[in-house]
C-alpha cells in the first residue's frame, strides 16, 4: 500500500502542474493512507471480538 501511494503521489507531482505544495501532497496522502489502515485494523479487531454474535448465512450457490 505504501509503495502504491508513493507512486501515485510522484506521478501526480510530475504530471499535474496545479500541485503547489509537493510536501503537502505527500503529507496528506500518507496521512490519509495511515488513517485508512488504522480504521481497517480497528474494524478487523472489532469483527474478531464479535465472532460469537454473528448470524451464520449459507451461500446456496456455492459449489
PDB file of N, CA and C in Angstrom:
ATOM      1  N   UNK A   1       0.822  -1.200   0.000  1.00  0.00           N
ATOM      2  CA  UNK A   1       0.000   0.000   0.000  1.00  0.00           C
ATOM      3  C   UNK A   1       0.867   1.265   0.000  1.00  0.00           C
ATOM      4  N   UNK A   2       1.922   1.250   0.797  1.00  0.00           N
ATOM      5  CA  UNK A   2       2.791   2.431   0.878  1.00  0.00           C
ATOM      6  C   UNK A   2       3.447   2.679  -0.474  1.00  0.00           C
ATOM      7  N   UNK A   3       3.910   1.605  -1.103  1.00  0.00           N
ATOM      8  CA  UNK A   3       4.550   1.725  -2.409  1.00  0.00           C
ATOM      9  C   UNK A   3       3.583   2.306  -3.439  1.00  0.00           C
ATOM     10  N   UNK A   4       2.346   1.831  -3.423  1.00  0.00           N
ATOM     11  CA  UNK A   4       1.333   2.319  -4.366  1.00  0.00           C
ATOM     12  C   UNK A   4       1.035   3.798  -4.120  1.00  0.00           C
ATOM     13  N   UNK A   5       0.944   4.179  -2.855  1.00  0.00           N
ATOM     14  CA  UNK A   5       0.674   5.577  -2.503  1.00  0.00           C
ATOM     15  C   UNK A   5       1.824   6.472  -2.971  1.00  0.00           C
ATOM     16  N   UNK A   6       3.047   6.018  -2.748  1.00  0.00           N
ATOM     17  CA  UNK A   6       4.218   6.786  -3.160  1.00  0.00           C
ATOM     18  C   UNK A   6       4.250   6.967  -4.679  1.00  0.00           C
ATOM     19  N   UNK A   7       3.959   5.902  -5.415  1.00  0.00           N
ATOM     20  CA  UNK A   7       3.936   6.006  -6.879  1.00  0.00           C
ATOM     21  C   UNK A   7       2.866   6.973  -7.360  1.00  0.00           C
ATOM     22  N   UNK A   8       1.684   6.911  -6.727  1.00  0.00           N
ATOM     23  CA  UNK A   8       0.595   7.818  -7.122  1.00  0.00           C
ATOM     24  C   UNK A   8       0.978   9.276  -6.893  1.00  0.00           C
ATOM     25  N   UNK A   9       1.581   9.548  -5.730  1.00  0.00           N
ATOM     26  CA  UNK A   9       1.954  10.928  -5.403  1.00  0.00           C
ATOM     27  C   UNK A   9       3.029  11.426  -6.362  1.00  0.00           C
ATOM     28  N   UNK A  10       4.039  10.600  -6.622  1.00  0.00           N
ATOM     29  CA  UNK A  10       5.110  11.016  -7.533  1.00  0.00           C
ATOM     30  C   UNK A  10       4.557  11.276  -8.940  1.00  0.00           C
ATOM     31  N   UNK A  11       3.659  10.428  -9.403  1.00  0.00           N
ATOM     32  CA  UNK A  11       3.062  10.617 -10.729  1.00  0.00           C
ATOM     33  C   UNK A  11       2.259  11.919 -10.777  1.00  0.00           C
ATOM     34  N   UNK A  12       1.505  12.178  -9.720  1.00  0.00           N
ATOM     35  CA  UNK A  12       0.691  13.405  -9.674  1.00  0.00           C
ATOM     36  C   UNK A  12       1.589  14.641  -9.694  1.00  0.00           C
ATOM     37  N   UNK A  13       2.684  14.603  -8.932  1.00  0.00           N
ATOM     38  CA  UNK A  13       3.595  15.750  -8.888  1.00  0.00           C
ATOM     39  C   UNK A  13       4.219  15.990 -10.265  1.00  0.00           C
ATOM     40  N   UNK A  14       4.602  14.911 -10.947  1.00  0.00           N
ATOM     41  CA  UNK A  14       5.247  15.047 -12.256  1.00  0.00           C
ATOM     42  C   UNK A  14       4.282  15.499 -13.350  1.00  0.00           C
ATOM     43  N   UNK A  15       3.029  15.053 -13.281  1.00  0.00           N
ATOM     44  CA  UNK A  15       2.112  15.300 -14.400  1.00  0.00           C
ATOM     45  C   UNK A  15       1.131  16.446 -14.180  1.00  0.00           C
ATOM     46  N   UNK A  16       0.871  16.803 -12.924  1.00  0.00           N
ATOM     47  CA  UNK A  16      -0.147  17.814 -12.642  1.00  0.00           C
ATOM     48  C   UNK A  16       0.526  19.134 -12.283  1.00  0.00           C
ATOM     49  N   UNK A  17       0.371  20.112 -13.139  1.00  0.00           N
ATOM     50  CA  UNK A  17       1.025  21.409 -12.916  1.00  0.00           C
ATOM     51  C   UNK A  17       0.317  22.246 -11.854  1.00  0.00           C
ATOM     52  N   UNK A  18      -0.843  21.806 -11.388  1.00  0.00           N
ATOM     53  CA  UNK A  18      -1.571  22.583 -10.381  1.00  0.00           C
ATOM     54  C   UNK A  18      -1.118  22.270  -8.955  1.00  0.00           C
ATOM     55  N   UNK A  19      -0.208  21.307  -8.775  1.00  0.00           N
ATOM     56  CA  UNK A  19       0.289  20.969  -7.434  1.00  0.00           C
ATOM     57  C   UNK A  19       1.225  22.079  -6.988  1.00  0.00           C
ATOM     58  N   UNK A  20       0.814  22.805  -5.946  1.00  0.00           N
ATOM     59  CA  UNK A  20       1.607  23.936  -5.468  1.00  0.00           C
ATOM     60  C   UNK A  20       2.558  23.534  -4.351  1.00  0.00           C
ATOM     61  N   UNK A  21       2.188  22.495  -3.597  1.00  0.00           N
ATOM     62  CA  UNK A  21       2.999  22.073  -2.466  1.00  0.00           C
ATOM     63  C   UNK A  21       3.196  20.554  -2.495  1.00  0.00           C
ATOM     64  N   UNK A  22       4.278  20.102  -3.122  1.00  0.00           N
ATOM     65  CA  UNK A  22       4.529  18.658  -3.163  1.00  0.00           C
ATOM     66  C   UNK A  22       4.666  18.041  -1.770  1.00  0.00           C
ATOM     67  N   UNK A  23       5.286  18.771  -0.845  1.00  0.00           N
ATOM     68  CA  UNK A  23       5.420  18.254   0.527  1.00  0.00           C
ATOM     69  C   UNK A  23       4.055  18.089   1.178  1.00  0.00           C
ATOM     70  N   UNK A  24       3.173  19.043   0.940  1.00  0.00           N
ATOM     71  CA  UNK A  24       1.824  18.962   1.488  1.00  0.00           C
ATOM     72  C   UNK A  24       1.045  17.798   0.889  1.00  0.00           C
ATOM     73  N   UNK A  25       1.242  17.559  -0.402  1.00  0.00           N
ATOM     74  CA  UNK A  25       0.586  16.433  -1.064  1.00  0.00           C
ATOM     75  C   UNK A  25       1.083  15.109  -0.493  1.00  0.00           C
ATOM     76  N   UNK A  26       2.416  15.006  -0.282  1.00  0.00           N
ATOM     77  CA  UNK A  26       2.975  13.811   0.349  1.00  0.00           C
ATOM     78  C   UNK A  26       2.371  13.609   1.732  1.00  0.00           C
ATOM     79  N   UNK A  27       2.365  14.675   2.519  1.00  0.00           N
ATOM     80  CA  UNK A  27       1.859  14.574   3.891  1.00  0.00           C
ATOM     81  C   UNK A  27       0.402  14.128   3.905  1.00  0.00           C
ATOM     82  N   UNK A  28      -0.428  14.787   3.138  1.00  0.00           N
ATOM     83  CA  UNK A  28      -1.865  14.489   3.152  1.00  0.00           C
ATOM     84  C   UNK A  28      -2.142  13.085   2.614  1.00  0.00           C
ATOM     85  N   UNK A  29      -1.432  12.680   1.580  1.00  0.00           N
ATOM     86  CA  UNK A  29      -1.643  11.349   1.009  1.00  0.00           C
ATOM     87  C   UNK A  29      -1.280  10.257   2.007  1.00  0.00           C
ATOM     88  N   UNK A  30      -0.126  10.396   2.659  1.00  0.00           N
ATOM     89  CA  UNK A  30       0.286   9.378   3.624  1.00  0.00           C
ATOM     90  C   UNK A  30      -0.543   9.450   4.898  1.00  0.00           C
ATOM     91  N   UNK A  31      -0.958  10.641   5.289  1.00  0.00           N
ATOM     92  CA  UNK A  31      -1.853  10.770   6.446  1.00  0.00           C
ATOM     93  C   UNK A  31      -3.146   9.997   6.185  1.00  0.00           C
ATOM     94  N   UNK A  32      -3.741  10.220   5.022  1.00  0.00           N
ATOM     95  CA  UNK A  32      -4.981   9.518   4.666  1.00  0.00           C
ATOM     96  C   UNK A  32      -4.769   8.008   4.603  1.00  0.00           C
ATOM     97  N   UNK A  33      -3.622   7.578   4.069  1.00  0.00           N
ATOM     98  CA  UNK A  33      -3.325   6.151   3.989  1.00  0.00           C
ATOM     99  C   UNK A  33      -3.257   5.524   5.377  1.00  0.00           C
ATOM    100  N   UNK A  34      -2.554   6.174   6.308  1.00  0.00           N
ATOM    101  CA  UNK A  34      -2.399   5.608   7.643  1.00  0.00           C
ATOM    102  C   UNK A  34      -3.699   5.658   8.437  1.00  0.00           C
ATOM    103  N   UNK A  35      -4.503   6.680   8.230  1.00  0.00           N
ATOM    104  CA  UNK A  35      -5.818   6.728   8.886  1.00  0.00           C
ATOM    105  C   UNK A  35      -6.680   5.582   8.370  1.00  0.00           C
ATOM    106  N   UNK A  36      -6.655   5.365   7.067  1.00  0.00           N
ATOM    107  CA  UNK A  36      -7.426   4.267   6.477  1.00  0.00           C
ATOM    108  C   UNK A  36      -6.955   2.913   7.019  1.00  0.00           C
ATOM    109  N   UNK A  37      -5.644   2.729   7.140  1.00  0.00           N
ATOM    110  CA  UNK A  37      -5.104   1.471   7.678  1.00  0.00           C
ATOM    111  C   UNK A  37      -5.507   1.283   9.132  1.00  0.00           C
ATOM    112  N   UNK A  38      -5.472   2.356   9.924  1.00  0.00           N
ATOM    113  CA  UNK A  38      -5.859   2.262  11.334  1.00  0.00           C
ATOM    114  C   UNK A  38      -7.335   1.907  11.468  1.00  0.00           C
ATOM    115  N   UNK A  39      -8.187   2.513  10.653  1.00  0.00           N
ATOM    116  CA  UNK A  39      -9.616   2.198  10.697  1.00  0.00           C
ATOM    117  C   UNK A  39      -9.880   0.755  10.276  1.00  0.00           C
ATOM    118  N   UNK A  40      -9.160   0.306   9.266  1.00  0.00           N
ATOM    119  CA  UNK A  40      -9.322  -1.078   8.807  1.00  0.00           C
ATOM    120  C   UNK A  40      -8.886  -2.064   9.890  1.00  0.00           C
ATOM    121  N   UNK A  41      -7.778  -1.752  10.555  1.00  0.00           N
ATOM    122  CA  UNK A  41      -7.288  -2.613  11.641  1.00  0.00           C
ATOM    123  C   UNK A  41      -8.295  -2.655  12.788  1.00  0.00           C
ATOM    124  N   UNK A  42      -8.874  -1.512  13.114  1.00  0.00           N
ATOM    125  CA  UNK A  42      -9.873  -1.447  14.183  1.00  0.00           C
ATOM    126  C   UNK A  42     -11.121  -2.247  13.815  1.00  0.00           C
ATOM    127  N   UNK A  43     -11.550  -2.157  12.558  1.00  0.00           N
ATOM    128  CA  UNK A  43     -12.713  -2.929  12.107  1.00  0.00           C
ATOM    129  C   UNK A  43     -12.455  -4.427  12.189  1.00  0.00           C
ATOM    130  N   UNK A  44     -11.254  -4.849  11.818  1.00  0.00           N
ATOM    131  CA  UNK A  44     -10.905  -6.268  11.899  1.00  0.00           C
ATOM    132  C   UNK A  44     -10.901  -6.722  13.349  1.00  0.00           C
ATOM    133  N   UNK A  45     -10.354  -5.889  14.229  1.00  0.00           N
ATOM    134  CA  UNK A  45     -10.313  -6.232  15.651  1.00  0.00           C
ATOM    135  C   UNK A  45     -11.724  -6.337  16.222  1.00  0.00           C
ATOM    136  N   UNK A  46     -12.587  -5.393  15.869  1.00  0.00           N
ATOM    137  CA  UNK A  46     -13.970  -5.420  16.352  1.00  0.00           C
ATOM    138  C   UNK A  46     -14.731  -6.616  15.790  1.00  0.00           C
ATOM    139  N   UNK A  47     -14.461  -6.961  14.556  1.00  0.00           N
ATOM    140  CA  UNK A  47     -15.123  -8.107  13.939  1.00  0.00           C
ATOM    141  C   UNK A  47     -14.698  -9.399  14.639  1.00  0.00           C
ATOM    142  N   UNK A  48     -13.416  -9.507  15.001  1.00  0.00           N
ATOM    143  CA  UNK A  48     -12.925 -10.693  15.702  1.00  0.00           C
ATOM    144  C   UNK A  48     -13.517 -10.795  17.098  1.00  0.00           C
ATOM    145  N   UNK A  49     -13.743  -9.656  17.755  1.00  0.00           N
ATOM    146  CA  UNK A  49     -14.307  -9.656  19.105  1.00  0.00           C
ATOM    147  C   UNK A  49     -15.775 -10.052  19.107  1.00  0.00           C
ATOM    148  N   UNK A  50     -16.482  -9.820  18.020  1.00  0.00           N
ATOM    149  CA  UNK A  50     -17.918 -10.102  17.980  1.00  0.00           C
ATOM    150  C   UNK A  50     -18.227 -11.379  17.200  1.00  0.00           C
ATOM    151  N   UNK A  51     -17.290 -12.308  17.140  1.00  0.00           N
ATOM    152  CA  UNK A  51     -17.493 -13.554  16.387  1.00  0.00           C
ATOM    153  C   UNK A  51     -18.694 -14.341  16.898  1.00  0.00           C
ATOM    154  N   UNK A  52     -18.907 -14.378  18.211  1.00  0.00           N
ATOM    155  CA  UNK A  52     -19.982 -15.174  18.780  1.00  0.00           C
ATOM    156  C   UNK A  52     -21.361 -14.649  18.467  1.00  0.00           C
ATOM    157  N   UNK A  53     -21.492 -13.369  18.164  1.00  0.00           N
ATOM    158  CA  UNK A  53     -22.812 -12.778  17.948  1.00  0.00           C
ATOM    159  C   UNK A  53     -23.195 -12.675  16.470  1.00  0.00           C
ATOM    160  N   UNK A  54     -22.404 -13.280  15.591  1.00  0.00           N
ATOM    161  CA  UNK A  54     -22.708 -13.210  14.162  1.00  0.00           C
ATOM    162  C   UNK A  54     -23.836 -14.162  13.792  1.00  0.00           C
ATOM    163  N   UNK A  55     -24.566 -13.792  12.774  1.00  0.00           N
ATOM    164  CA  UNK A  55     -25.587 -14.668  12.204  1.00  0.00           C
ATOM    165  C   UNK A  55     -24.923 -15.405  11.048  1.00  0.00           C
ATOM    166  N   UNK A  56     -24.972 -16.713  11.084  1.00  0.00           N
ATOM    167  CA  UNK A  56     -24.341 -17.504  10.041  1.00  0.00           C
ATOM    168  C   UNK A  56     -25.277 -17.609   8.844  1.00  0.00           C
ATOM    169  N   UNK A  57     -24.765 -17.218   7.689  1.00  0.00           N
ATOM    170  CA  UNK A  57     -25.525 -17.300   6.447  1.00  0.00           C
ATOM    171  C   UNK A  57     -24.874 -18.348   5.555  1.00  0.00           C
ATOM    172  N   UNK A  58     -25.676 -19.035   4.801  1.00  0.00           N
ATOM    173  CA  UNK A  58     -25.136 -20.041   3.896  1.00  0.00           C
ATOM    174  C   UNK A  58     -25.331 -19.575   2.463  1.00  0.00           C
ATOM    175  N   UNK A  59     -24.283 -19.705   1.681  1.00  0.00           N
ATOM    176  CA  UNK A  59     -24.357 -19.346   0.273  1.00  0.00           C
ATOM    177  C   UNK A  59     -24.756 -20.599  -0.508  1.00  0.00           C
ATOM    178  N   UNK A  60     -26.010 -20.713  -0.852  1.00  0.00           N
ATOM    179  CA  UNK A  60     -26.523 -21.899  -1.519  1.00  0.00           C
ATOM    180  C   UNK A  60     -25.998 -22.035  -2.943  1.00  0.00           C
ATOM    181  N   UNK A  61     -25.502 -20.968  -3.520  1.00  0.00           N
ATOM    182  CA  UNK A  61     -24.996 -21.031  -4.885  1.00  0.00           C
ATOM    183  C   UNK A  61     -23.563 -21.545  -4.949  1.00  0.00           C
ATOM    184  N   UNK A  62     -22.891 -21.556  -3.815  1.00  0.00           N
ATOM    185  CA  UNK A  62     -21.507 -22.001  -3.757  1.00  0.00           C
ATOM    186  C   UNK A  62     -21.427 -23.503  -3.987  1.00  0.00           C
ATOM    187  N   UNK A  63     -20.445 -23.947  -4.749  1.00  0.00           N
ATOM    188  CA  UNK A  63     -20.301 -25.387  -5.027  1.00  0.00           C
ATOM    189  C   UNK A  63     -19.498 -26.075  -3.964  1.00  0.00           C
TER     190      UNK A  63
END
